[in-house]
């Protein structure tokens, strides 16, 4: 007996972000607190 393939199998989900976008988001998340915020006093 031969094995049969499932024809009603679900299609693979598409990724929400590309690998480049994932890396950029990860890098941004890692360095969120690095920049010193500008403090502007109103006159």
PDB file of N, CA and C in Angstrom:
ATOM      1  N   UNK A   1       0.839  -1.198   0.000  1.00  0.00           N
ATOM      2  CA  UNK A   1       0.000   0.000   0.000  1.00  0.00           C
ATOM      3  C   UNK A   1       0.873   1.247   0.000  1.00  0.00           C
ATOM      4  N   UNK A   2       0.505   2.193  -0.806  1.00  0.00           N
ATOM      5  CA  UNK A   2       1.282   3.431  -0.874  1.00  0.00           C
ATOM      6  C   UNK A   2       0.651   4.490   0.022  1.00  0.00           C
ATOM      7  N   UNK A   3       1.481   5.397   0.450  1.00  0.00           N
ATOM      8  CA  UNK A   3       0.996   6.480   1.312  1.00  0.00           C
ATOM      9  C   UNK A   3       0.384   7.573   0.440  1.00  0.00           C
ATOM     10  N   UNK A   4      -0.690   8.152   0.900  1.00  0.00           N
ATOM     11  CA  UNK A   4      -1.304   9.244   0.138  1.00  0.00           C
ATOM     12  C   UNK A   4      -1.064  10.563   0.863  1.00  0.00           C
ATOM     13  N   UNK A   5      -0.948  11.628   0.090  1.00  0.00           N
ATOM     14  CA  UNK A   5      -0.721  12.960   0.658  1.00  0.00           C
ATOM     15  C   UNK A   5      -2.048  13.595   1.037  1.00  0.00           C
ATOM     16  N   UNK A   6      -2.012  14.416   2.075  1.00  0.00           N
ATOM     17  CA  UNK A   6      -3.223  15.147   2.460  1.00  0.00           C
ATOM     18  C   UNK A   6      -3.391  16.323   1.510  1.00  0.00           C
ATOM     19  N   UNK A   7      -4.507  16.389   0.863  1.00  0.00           N
ATOM     20  CA  UNK A   7      -4.739  17.476  -0.081  1.00  0.00           C
ATOM     21  C   UNK A   7      -5.412  18.678   0.591  1.00  0.00           C
ATOM     22  N   UNK A   8      -6.029  18.475   1.757  1.00  0.00           N
ATOM     23  CA  UNK A   8      -6.741  19.559   2.428  1.00  0.00           C
ATOM     24  C   UNK A   8      -5.877  20.227   3.493  1.00  0.00           C
ATOM     25  N   UNK A   9      -4.569  20.154   3.339  1.00  0.00           N
ATOM     26  CA  UNK A   9      -3.657  20.730   4.320  1.00  0.00           C
ATOM     27  C   UNK A   9      -3.649  22.251   4.205  1.00  0.00           C
ATOM     28  N   UNK A  10      -3.544  22.922   5.354  1.00  0.00           N
ATOM     29  CA  UNK A  10      -3.572  24.389   5.347  1.00  0.00           C
ATOM     30  C   UNK A  10      -2.302  24.955   4.738  1.00  0.00           C
ATOM     31  N   UNK A  11      -2.449  26.098   4.102  1.00  0.00           N
ATOM     32  CA  UNK A  11      -1.297  26.772   3.515  1.00  0.00           C
ATOM     33  C   UNK A  11      -0.458  27.397   4.625  1.00  0.00           C
ATOM     34  N   UNK A  12       0.812  27.560   4.357  1.00  0.00           N
ATOM     35  CA  UNK A  12       1.726  28.133   5.337  1.00  0.00           C
ATOM     36  C   UNK A  12       1.397  29.608   5.538  1.00  0.00           C
ATOM     37  N   UNK A  13       1.423  30.057   6.800  1.00  0.00           N
ATOM     38  CA  UNK A  13       1.124  31.462   7.097  1.00  0.00           C
ATOM     39  C   UNK A  13       2.247  32.355   6.589  1.00  0.00           C
ATOM     40  N   UNK A  14       1.875  33.510   6.081  1.00  0.00           N
ATOM     41  CA  UNK A  14       2.874  34.481   5.645  1.00  0.00           C
ATOM     42  C   UNK A  14       3.394  35.222   6.863  1.00  0.00           C
ATOM     43  N   UNK A  15       4.674  35.515   6.870  1.00  0.00           N
ATOM     44  CA  UNK A  15       5.298  36.229   7.974  1.00  0.00           C
ATOM     45  C   UNK A  15       4.794  37.671   8.002  1.00  0.00           C
ATOM     46  N   UNK A  16       4.592  38.212   9.216  1.00  0.00           N
ATOM     47  CA  UNK A  16       4.140  39.591   9.340  1.00  0.00           C
ATOM     48  C   UNK A  16       5.255  40.564   8.979  1.00  0.00           C
ATOM     49  N   UNK A  17       6.483  40.224   9.382  1.00  0.00           N
ATOM     50  CA  UNK A  17       7.628  41.082   9.103  1.00  0.00           C
ATOM     51  C   UNK A  17       8.686  40.297   8.349  1.00  0.00           C
ATOM     52  N   UNK A  18       9.439  41.003   7.502  1.00  0.00           N
ATOM     53  CA  UNK A  18      10.554  40.373   6.812  1.00  0.00           C
ATOM     54  C   UNK A  18      11.699  40.218   7.810  1.00  0.00           C
ATOM     55  N   UNK A  19      12.658  39.375   7.524  1.00  0.00           N
ATOM     56  CA  UNK A  19      13.799  39.229   8.443  1.00  0.00           C
ATOM     57  C   UNK A  19      14.515  40.553   8.726  1.00  0.00           C
ATOM     58  N   UNK A  20      14.638  41.422   7.719  1.00  0.00           N
ATOM     59  CA  UNK A  20      15.284  42.727   7.922  1.00  0.00           C
ATOM     60  C   UNK A  20      14.476  43.578   8.894  1.00  0.00           C
ATOM     61  N   UNK A  21      13.150  43.561   8.739  1.00  0.00           N
ATOM     62  CA  UNK A  21      12.278  44.331   9.629  1.00  0.00           C
ATOM     63  C   UNK A  21      12.347  43.794  11.057  1.00  0.00           C
ATOM     64  N   UNK A  22      12.417  42.474  11.199  1.00  0.00           N
ATOM     65  CA  UNK A  22      12.533  41.870  12.526  1.00  0.00           C
ATOM     66  C   UNK A  22      13.808  42.321  13.219  1.00  0.00           C
ATOM     67  N   UNK A  23      14.925  42.300  12.481  1.00  0.00           N
ATOM     68  CA  UNK A  23      16.203  42.714  13.057  1.00  0.00           C
ATOM     69  C   UNK A  23      16.168  44.177  13.463  1.00  0.00           C
ATOM     70  N   UNK A  24      15.593  45.023  12.601  1.00  0.00           N
ATOM     71  CA  UNK A  24      15.522  46.457  12.893  1.00  0.00           C
ATOM     72  C   UNK A  24      14.681  46.701  14.150  1.00  0.00           C
ATOM     73  N   UNK A  25      13.565  46.018  14.271  1.00  0.00           N
ATOM     74  CA  UNK A  25      12.687  46.179  15.431  1.00  0.00           C
ATOM     75  C   UNK A  25      13.395  45.714  16.702  1.00  0.00           C
ATOM     76  N   UNK A  26      14.123  44.611  16.602  1.00  0.00           N
ATOM     77  CA  UNK A  26      14.840  44.071  17.754  1.00  0.00           C
ATOM     78  C   UNK A  26      15.934  45.028  18.202  1.00  0.00           C
ATOM     79  N   UNK A  27      16.667  45.589  17.238  1.00  0.00           N
ATOM     80  CA  UNK A  27      17.743  46.540  17.541  1.00  0.00           C
ATOM     81  C   UNK A  27      17.172  47.800  18.180  1.00  0.00           C
ATOM     82  N   UNK A  28      16.064  48.274  17.646  1.00  0.00           N
ATOM     83  CA  UNK A  28      15.425  49.480  18.178  1.00  0.00           C
ATOM     84  C   UNK A  28      14.945  49.238  19.608  1.00  0.00           C
ATOM     85  N   UNK A  29      14.347  48.079  19.848  1.00  0.00           N
ATOM     86  CA  UNK A  29      13.836  47.734  21.172  1.00  0.00           C
ATOM     87  C   UNK A  29      14.974  47.657  22.195  1.00  0.00           C
ATOM     88  N   UNK A  30      16.134  47.166  21.745  1.00  0.00           N
ATOM     89  CA  UNK A  30      17.284  47.006  22.628  1.00  0.00           C
ATOM     90  C   UNK A  30      17.865  48.353  23.046  1.00  0.00           C
ATOM     91  N   UNK A  31      17.819  49.341  22.149  1.00  0.00           N
ATOM     92  CA  UNK A  31      18.447  50.637  22.398  1.00  0.00           C
ATOM     93  C   UNK A  31      17.440  51.759  22.670  1.00  0.00           C
ATOM     94  N   UNK A  32      16.292  51.418  23.195  1.00  0.00           N
ATOM     95  CA  UNK A  32      15.257  52.423  23.451  1.00  0.00           C
ATOM     96  C   UNK A  32      15.725  53.475  24.460  1.00  0.00           C
ATOM     97  N   UNK A  33      16.328  53.083  25.559  1.00  0.00           N
ATOM     98  CA  UNK A  33      16.702  54.019  26.615  1.00  0.00           C
ATOM     99  C   UNK A  33      18.075  54.639  26.452  1.00  0.00           C
ATOM    100  N   UNK A  34      18.775  54.357  25.355  1.00  0.00           N
ATOM    101  CA  UNK A  34      20.132  54.857  25.161  1.00  0.00           C
ATOM    102  C   UNK A  34      20.200  56.357  24.919  1.00  0.00           C
ATOM    103  N   UNK A  35      19.293  56.885  24.134  1.00  0.00           N
ATOM    104  CA  UNK A  35      19.332  58.297  23.760  1.00  0.00           C
ATOM    105  C   UNK A  35      18.877  59.163  24.931  1.00  0.00           C
ATOM    106  N   UNK A  36      19.555  60.270  25.141  1.00  0.00           N
ATOM    107  CA  UNK A  36      19.149  61.189  26.199  1.00  0.00           C
ATOM    108  C   UNK A  36      18.069  62.116  25.651  1.00  0.00           C
ATOM    109  N   UNK A  37      16.959  62.221  26.322  1.00  0.00           N
ATOM    110  CA  UNK A  37      15.875  63.064  25.822  1.00  0.00           C
ATOM    111  C   UNK A  37      16.205  64.550  25.991  1.00  0.00           C
ATOM    112  N   UNK A  38      15.715  65.362  25.077  1.00  0.00           N
ATOM    113  CA  UNK A  38      15.899  66.808  25.161  1.00  0.00           C
ATOM    114  C   UNK A  38      14.879  67.382  26.132  1.00  0.00           C
ATOM    115  N   UNK A  39      15.341  68.181  27.045  1.00  0.00           N
ATOM    116  CA  UNK A  39      14.446  68.817  27.996  1.00  0.00           C
ATOM    117  C   UNK A  39      14.382  70.295  27.635  1.00  0.00           C
ATOM    118  N   UNK A  40      13.222  70.714  27.210  1.00  0.00           N
ATOM    119  CA  UNK A  40      13.047  72.103  26.791  1.00  0.00           C
ATOM    120  C   UNK A  40      12.180  72.801  27.819  1.00  0.00           C
ATOM    121  N   UNK A  41      12.713  73.871  28.366  1.00  0.00           N
ATOM    122  CA  UNK A  41      11.926  74.646  29.343  1.00  0.00           C
ATOM    123  C   UNK A  41      11.213  75.772  28.620  1.00  0.00           C
ATOM    124  N   UNK A  42       9.971  75.917  28.927  1.00  0.00           N
ATOM    125  CA  UNK A  42       9.193  77.007  28.327  1.00  0.00           C
ATOM    126  C   UNK A  42       9.548  78.320  29.036  1.00  0.00           C
ATOM    127  N   UNK A  43       9.719  79.389  28.274  1.00  0.00           N
ATOM    128  CA  UNK A  43      10.086  80.683  28.907  1.00  0.00           C
ATOM    129  C   UNK A  43       8.963  81.307  29.705  1.00  0.00           C
TER     130      UNK A  43
END
